[in-house]
Amino acid sequence: MKTIYVIAAGLMLSLAAKAQNFTLKSSDLQGQATSKQVYNGFGCTGSNISPQLSWENAPEGTKSFAIVMYDPDAPTERGWMHWVAFDIPVTTKEIKSGSGDPDKTTLPKDVIQSITDYGIYGYGGPCPPEGDKPHKYEITVFALKTAKLGLDKNTNPSIVGFYINANTLAKATLTAYYQR
């Protein structure tokens, strides 16, 4: 009887190790966006530097990653897309601060940073209306079941989101807030 308990306990530990959560962290964001991440335009005067991000425990079958930064509190009918990056190789587990600048070469070669709601490519930081409530900025890394989405940098955020959601195995989100 003791042998059965030992085998069952070993099996439970093995399953628990496999069921670790896909997680996202940032050394730059601790709940609040700073002037370093804030957009430089639309009346905001931040540095517009994308945050450092790292992730772990992607599910089995992951072939690539995508990153989306979204403000559901924006005064529009559908929120505001601040950053859309996809076709991130499965070997990538971290992106450095500032990697959202499409003129820098800190992201792996074939990563695509498509157009945002600012009408720019790459990262466009927080810039809520002055005097509005604190806005929530959701940064999500998606583990995808395809290596490439088959889209280009001119694809609008809604279409990219459709393809990301159709290929998602898991996602990990962190939230930062900003008000001015």
C-alpha atoms as a PDB file:
ATOM      1  CA  MET A   1       0.000   0.000   0.000  1.00  0.00           C
ATOM      2  CA  LYS A   2       2.866   2.404   0.792  1.00  0.00           C
ATOM      3  CA  THR A   3       4.258   1.833  -2.716  1.00  0.00           C
ATOM      4  CA  ILE A   4       1.018   3.100  -4.268  1.00  0.00           C
ATOM      5  CA  TYR A   5       1.152   6.292  -2.175  1.00  0.00           C
ATOM      6  CA  VAL A   6       4.769   6.910  -3.165  1.00  0.00           C
ATOM      7  CA  ILE A   7       3.959   6.429  -6.865  1.00  0.00           C
ATOM      8  CA  ALA A   8       0.881   8.673  -6.591  1.00  0.00           C
ATOM      9  CA  ALA A   9       2.863  11.379  -4.767  1.00  0.00           C
ATOM     10  CA  GLY A  10       5.592  11.216  -7.411  1.00  0.00           C
ATOM     11  CA  LEU A  11       3.021  11.495 -10.194  1.00  0.00           C
ATOM     12  CA  MET A  12       1.379  14.505  -8.514  1.00  0.00           C
ATOM     13  CA  LEU A  13       4.748  16.266  -8.159  1.00  0.00           C
ATOM     14  CA  SER A  14       5.527  15.550 -11.810  1.00  0.00           C
ATOM     15  CA  LEU A  15       2.170  16.965 -12.945  1.00  0.00           C
ATOM     16  CA  ALA A  16       2.598  20.041 -10.724  1.00  0.00           C
ATOM     17  CA  ALA A  17       5.997  20.742 -12.284  1.00  0.00           C
ATOM     18  CA  LYS A  18       4.459  20.574 -15.773  1.00  0.00           C
ATOM     19  CA  ALA A  19       1.528  22.827 -14.805  1.00  0.00           C
ATOM     20  CA  GLN A  20       3.638  25.868 -13.933  1.00  0.00           C
ATOM     21  CA  ASN A  21       1.999  29.101 -14.987  1.00  0.00           C
ATOM     22  CA  PHE A  22       3.133  31.114 -17.973  1.00  0.00           C
ATOM     23  CA  THR A  23       4.314  34.346 -16.312  1.00  0.00           C
ATOM     24  CA  LEU A  24       5.394  37.814 -17.409  1.00  0.00           C
ATOM     25  CA  LYS A  25       7.628  40.179 -15.429  1.00  0.00           C
ATOM     26  CA  SER A  26       9.205  43.597 -15.914  1.00  0.00           C
ATOM     27  CA  SER A  27      12.067  45.211 -14.044  1.00  0.00           C
ATOM     28  CA  ASP A  28      10.857  48.602 -15.370  1.00  0.00           C
ATOM     29  CA  LEU A  29       7.222  48.486 -14.268  1.00  0.00           C
ATOM     30  CA  GLN A  30       6.157  48.127 -10.669  1.00  0.00           C
ATOM     31  CA  GLY A  31       2.459  48.903 -11.074  1.00  0.00           C
ATOM     32  CA  GLN A  32       2.952  52.460 -12.280  1.00  0.00           C
ATOM     33  CA  ALA A  33       4.267  53.694 -15.638  1.00  0.00           C
ATOM     34  CA  THR A  34       6.897  56.417 -15.342  1.00  0.00           C
ATOM     35  CA  SER A  35       7.918  59.296 -17.591  1.00  0.00           C
ATOM     36  CA  LYS A  36      10.437  56.866 -19.095  1.00  0.00           C
ATOM     37  CA  GLN A  37       7.584  54.829 -20.664  1.00  0.00           C
ATOM     38  CA  VAL A  38       5.204  57.741 -21.387  1.00  0.00           C
ATOM     39  CA  TYR A  39       4.629  58.757 -25.007  1.00  0.00           C
ATOM     40  CA  ASN A  40       6.293  61.862 -26.438  1.00  0.00           C
ATOM     41  CA  GLY A  41       3.459  63.475 -28.394  1.00  0.00           C
ATOM     42  CA  PHE A  42      -0.307  64.085 -28.123  1.00  0.00           C
ATOM     43  CA  GLY A  43       0.501  66.572 -25.349  1.00  0.00           C
ATOM     44  CA  CYS A  44       2.693  64.139 -23.395  1.00  0.00           C
ATOM     45  CA  THR A  45       6.420  64.686 -22.910  1.00  0.00           C
ATOM     46  CA  GLY A  46       7.765  61.289 -21.886  1.00  0.00           C
ATOM     47  CA  SER A  47      10.777  59.388 -23.200  1.00  0.00           C
ATOM     48  CA  ASN A  48       8.613  56.757 -24.984  1.00  0.00           C
ATOM     49  CA  ILE A  49      10.896  53.864 -24.019  1.00  0.00           C
ATOM     50  CA  SER A  50       9.272  50.432 -24.008  1.00  0.00           C
ATOM     51  CA  PRO A  51       9.682  48.472 -20.775  1.00  0.00           C
ATOM     52  CA  GLN A  52      11.947  45.495 -20.220  1.00  0.00           C
ATOM     53  CA  LEU A  53       9.897  42.295 -20.315  1.00  0.00           C
ATOM     54  CA  SER A  54      10.749  38.691 -19.476  1.00  0.00           C
ATOM     55  CA  TRP A  55       8.611  35.568 -19.443  1.00  0.00           C
ATOM     56  CA  GLU A  56       8.855  31.929 -18.450  1.00  0.00           C
ATOM     57  CA  ASN A  57       6.979  28.623 -18.486  1.00  0.00           C
ATOM     58  CA  ALA A  58       5.484  28.911 -21.970  1.00  0.00           C
ATOM     59  CA  PRO A  59       3.287  25.909 -22.707  1.00  0.00           C
ATOM     60  CA  GLU A  60       4.449  22.935 -24.698  1.00  0.00           C
ATOM     61  CA  GLY A  61       3.834  23.486 -28.412  1.00  0.00           C
ATOM     62  CA  THR A  62       4.706  27.191 -28.366  1.00  0.00           C
ATOM     63  CA  LYS A  63       6.293  28.207 -31.687  1.00  0.00           C
ATOM     64  CA  SER A  64       6.468  32.003 -31.280  1.00  0.00           C
ATOM     65  CA  PHE A  65       5.371  34.910 -29.114  1.00  0.00           C
ATOM     66  CA  ALA A  66       3.500  38.185 -29.609  1.00  0.00           C
ATOM     67  CA  ILE A  67       3.355  41.282 -27.399  1.00  0.00           C
ATOM     68  CA  VAL A  68       0.418  43.662 -27.168  1.00  0.00           C
ATOM     69  CA  MET A  69       0.046  46.765 -25.003  1.00  0.00           C
ATOM     70  CA  TYR A  70      -3.540  47.955 -24.752  1.00  0.00           C
ATOM     71  CA  ASP A  71      -5.405  50.707 -22.864  1.00  0.00           C
ATOM     72  CA  PRO A  72      -9.035  49.629 -22.298  1.00  0.00           C
ATOM     73  CA  ASP A  73      -9.753  52.999 -20.605  1.00  0.00           C
ATOM     74  CA  ALA A  74      -9.016  55.150 -23.660  1.00  0.00           C
ATOM     75  CA  PRO A  75     -11.919  57.413 -24.648  1.00  0.00           C
ATOM     76  CA  THR A  76     -12.671  55.503 -27.855  1.00  0.00           C
ATOM     77  CA  GLU A  77     -15.164  52.805 -28.767  1.00  0.00           C
ATOM     78  CA  ARG A  78     -12.518  50.058 -28.574  1.00  0.00           C
ATOM     79  CA  GLY A  79      -9.685  51.265 -26.335  1.00  0.00           C
ATOM     80  CA  TRP A  80      -6.206  52.115 -27.643  1.00  0.00           C
ATOM     81  CA  MET A  81      -3.502  49.837 -29.030  1.00  0.00           C
ATOM     82  CA  HIS A  82      -0.078  51.091 -27.896  1.00  0.00           C
ATOM     83  CA  TRP A  83       2.200  48.305 -29.094  1.00  0.00           C
ATOM     84  CA  VAL A  84       1.867  45.264 -31.318  1.00  0.00           C
ATOM     85  CA  ALA A  85       4.882  43.009 -31.918  1.00  0.00           C
ATOM     86  CA  PHE A  86       4.711  39.485 -33.308  1.00  0.00           C
ATOM     87  CA  ASP A  87       6.693  36.660 -34.932  1.00  0.00           C
ATOM     88  CA  ILE A  88       8.965  36.725 -31.876  1.00  0.00           C
ATOM     89  CA  PRO A  89      11.062  33.527 -31.987  1.00  0.00           C
ATOM     90  CA  VAL A  90      10.250  30.823 -29.454  1.00  0.00           C
ATOM     91  CA  THR A  91      13.825  31.029 -28.130  1.00  0.00           C
ATOM     92  CA  THR A  92      13.208  34.592 -26.914  1.00  0.00           C
ATOM     93  CA  LYS A  93      12.520  34.852 -23.187  1.00  0.00           C
ATOM     94  CA  GLU A  94      13.290  38.553 -22.639  1.00  0.00           C
ATOM     95  CA  ILE A  95      13.297  41.842 -24.466  1.00  0.00           C
ATOM     96  CA  LYS A  96      15.345  44.749 -23.232  1.00  0.00           C
ATOM     97  CA  SER A  97      14.087  48.198 -22.322  1.00  0.00           C
ATOM     98  CA  GLY A  98      13.788  50.305 -25.489  1.00  0.00           C
ATOM     99  CA  SER A  99      13.241  47.328 -27.814  1.00  0.00           C
ATOM    100  CA  GLY A 100       9.940  48.834 -28.979  1.00  0.00           C
ATOM    101  CA  ASP A 101      11.863  51.409 -31.026  1.00  0.00           C
ATOM    102  CA  PRO A 102      11.670  50.034 -34.593  1.00  0.00           C
ATOM    103  CA  ASP A 103      14.928  51.840 -35.482  1.00  0.00           C
ATOM    104  CA  LYS A 104      16.897  49.841 -32.906  1.00  0.00           C
ATOM    105  CA  THR A 105      18.153  46.339 -33.544  1.00  0.00           C
ATOM    106  CA  THR A 106      17.592  44.901 -30.076  1.00  0.00           C
ATOM    107  CA  LEU A 107      14.751  42.579 -31.120  1.00  0.00           C
ATOM    108  CA  PRO A 108      15.464  39.376 -33.043  1.00  0.00           C
ATOM    109  CA  LYS A 109      15.755  39.928 -36.797  1.00  0.00           C
ATOM    110  CA  ASP A 110      12.320  38.824 -38.046  1.00  0.00           C
ATOM    111  CA  VAL A 111      10.137  40.362 -35.333  1.00  0.00           C
ATOM    112  CA  ILE A 112       7.429  42.598 -36.785  1.00  0.00           C
ATOM    113  CA  GLN A 113       6.245  45.693 -34.917  1.00  0.00           C
ATOM    114  CA  SER A 114       3.074  46.743 -36.655  1.00  0.00           C
ATOM    115  CA  ILE A 115       1.171  49.977 -36.668  1.00  0.00           C
ATOM    116  CA  THR A 116      -0.450  51.251 -33.456  1.00  0.00           C
ATOM    117  CA  ASP A 117      -3.408  53.517 -32.848  1.00  0.00           C
ATOM    118  CA  TYR A 118      -0.939  56.431 -32.831  1.00  0.00           C
ATOM    119  CA  GLY A 119      -0.307  55.625 -36.494  1.00  0.00           C
ATOM    120  CA  ILE A 120       3.321  54.680 -35.776  1.00  0.00           C
ATOM    121  CA  TYR A 121       5.271  51.427 -35.853  1.00  0.00           C
ATOM    122  CA  GLY A 122       6.614  50.028 -32.596  1.00  0.00           C
ATOM    123  CA  TYR A 123       5.970  51.173 -29.057  1.00  0.00           C
ATOM    124  CA  GLY A 124       3.805  54.202 -28.248  1.00  0.00           C
ATOM    125  CA  GLY A 125       3.656  54.754 -24.505  1.00  0.00           C
ATOM    126  CA  PRO A 126       0.858  55.880 -22.191  1.00  0.00           C
ATOM    127  CA  CYS A 127      -0.702  59.299 -22.787  1.00  0.00           C
ATOM    128  CA  PRO A 128      -4.190  59.486 -21.304  1.00  0.00           C
ATOM    129  CA  PRO A 129      -6.216  62.683 -21.532  1.00  0.00           C
ATOM    130  CA  GLU A 130      -5.123  65.261 -18.975  1.00  0.00           C
ATOM    131  CA  GLY A 131      -7.272  65.152 -15.827  1.00  0.00           C
ATOM    132  CA  ASP A 132      -8.800  61.761 -16.693  1.00  0.00           C
ATOM    133  CA  LYS A 133      -8.872  58.876 -14.207  1.00  0.00           C
ATOM    134  CA  PRO A 134      -5.793  56.610 -14.045  1.00  0.00           C
ATOM    135  CA  HIS A 135      -5.692  54.474 -17.177  1.00  0.00           C
ATOM    136  CA  LYS A 136      -4.909  50.765 -17.123  1.00  0.00           C
ATOM    137  CA  TYR A 137      -2.182  49.596 -19.544  1.00  0.00           C
ATOM    138  CA  GLU A 138      -2.305  45.856 -20.123  1.00  0.00           C
ATOM    139  CA  ILE A 139       0.895  44.372 -21.517  1.00  0.00           C
ATOM    140  CA  THR A 140       0.336  40.812 -22.663  1.00  0.00           C
ATOM    141  CA  VAL A 141       2.740  38.236 -24.044  1.00  0.00           C
ATOM    142  CA  PHE A 142       0.975  35.548 -26.048  1.00  0.00           C
ATOM    143  CA  ALA A 143       2.426  32.056 -26.563  1.00  0.00           C
ATOM    144  CA  LEU A 144       1.407  31.113 -30.101  1.00  0.00           C
ATOM    145  CA  LYS A 145       1.029  27.763 -31.863  1.00  0.00           C
ATOM    146  CA  THR A 146       2.478  29.130 -35.115  1.00  0.00           C
ATOM    147  CA  ALA A 147       5.975  30.436 -35.864  1.00  0.00           C
ATOM    148  CA  LYS A 148       4.689  33.207 -38.172  1.00  0.00           C
ATOM    149  CA  LEU A 149       1.351  34.987 -38.381  1.00  0.00           C
ATOM    150  CA  GLY A 150       1.792  35.725 -42.098  1.00  0.00           C
ATOM    151  CA  LEU A 151       1.129  39.460 -41.617  1.00  0.00           C
ATOM    152  CA  ASP A 152       3.263  42.544 -42.252  1.00  0.00           C
ATOM    153  CA  LYS A 153       3.977  45.776 -40.381  1.00  0.00           C
ATOM    154  CA  ASN A 154       1.128  47.607 -42.148  1.00  0.00           C
ATOM    155  CA  THR A 155      -1.557  45.269 -40.822  1.00  0.00           C
ATOM    156  CA  ASN A 156      -3.952  47.158 -38.549  1.00  0.00           C
ATOM    157  CA  PRO A 157      -4.060  46.228 -34.844  1.00  0.00           C
ATOM    158  CA  SER A 158      -7.520  44.637 -35.017  1.00  0.00           C
ATOM    159  CA  ILE A 159      -6.490  42.178 -37.744  1.00  0.00           C
ATOM    160  CA  VAL A 160      -3.253  41.343 -35.898  1.00  0.00           C
ATOM    161  CA  GLY A 161      -5.302  40.790 -32.731  1.00  0.00           C
ATOM    162  CA  PHE A 162      -7.629  38.442 -34.593  1.00  0.00           C
ATOM    163  CA  TYR A 163      -4.687  36.320 -35.798  1.00  0.00           C
ATOM    164  CA  ILE A 164      -3.026  36.375 -32.375  1.00  0.00           C
ATOM    165  CA  ASN A 165      -6.207  35.223 -30.640  1.00  0.00           C
ATOM    166  CA  ALA A 166      -6.775  32.477 -33.236  1.00  0.00           C
ATOM    167  CA  ASN A 167      -3.292  31.078 -32.505  1.00  0.00           C
ATOM    168  CA  THR A 168      -2.993  31.570 -28.721  1.00  0.00           C
ATOM    169  CA  LEU A 169      -1.973  28.668 -26.504  1.00  0.00           C
ATOM    170  CA  ALA A 170      -1.546  30.811 -23.374  1.00  0.00           C
ATOM    171  CA  LYS A 171      -1.087  34.429 -22.366  1.00  0.00           C
ATOM    172  CA  ALA A 172       0.516  36.285 -19.496  1.00  0.00           C
ATOM    173  CA  THR A 173      -0.406  39.857 -18.623  1.00  0.00           C
ATOM    174  CA  LEU A 174       0.958  42.567 -16.385  1.00  0.00           C
ATOM    175  CA  THR A 175      -0.839  45.820 -15.748  1.00  0.00           C
ATOM    176  CA  ALA A 176       0.572  49.294 -15.198  1.00  0.00           C
ATOM    177  CA  TYR A 177      -1.363  52.488 -14.481  1.00  0.00           C
ATOM    178  CA  TYR A 178      -0.755  56.062 -15.527  1.00  0.00           C
ATOM    179  CA  GLN A 179      -2.564  59.368 -15.022  1.00  0.00           C
ATOM    180  CA  ARG A 180      -1.656  62.948 -15.882  1.00  0.00           C
END
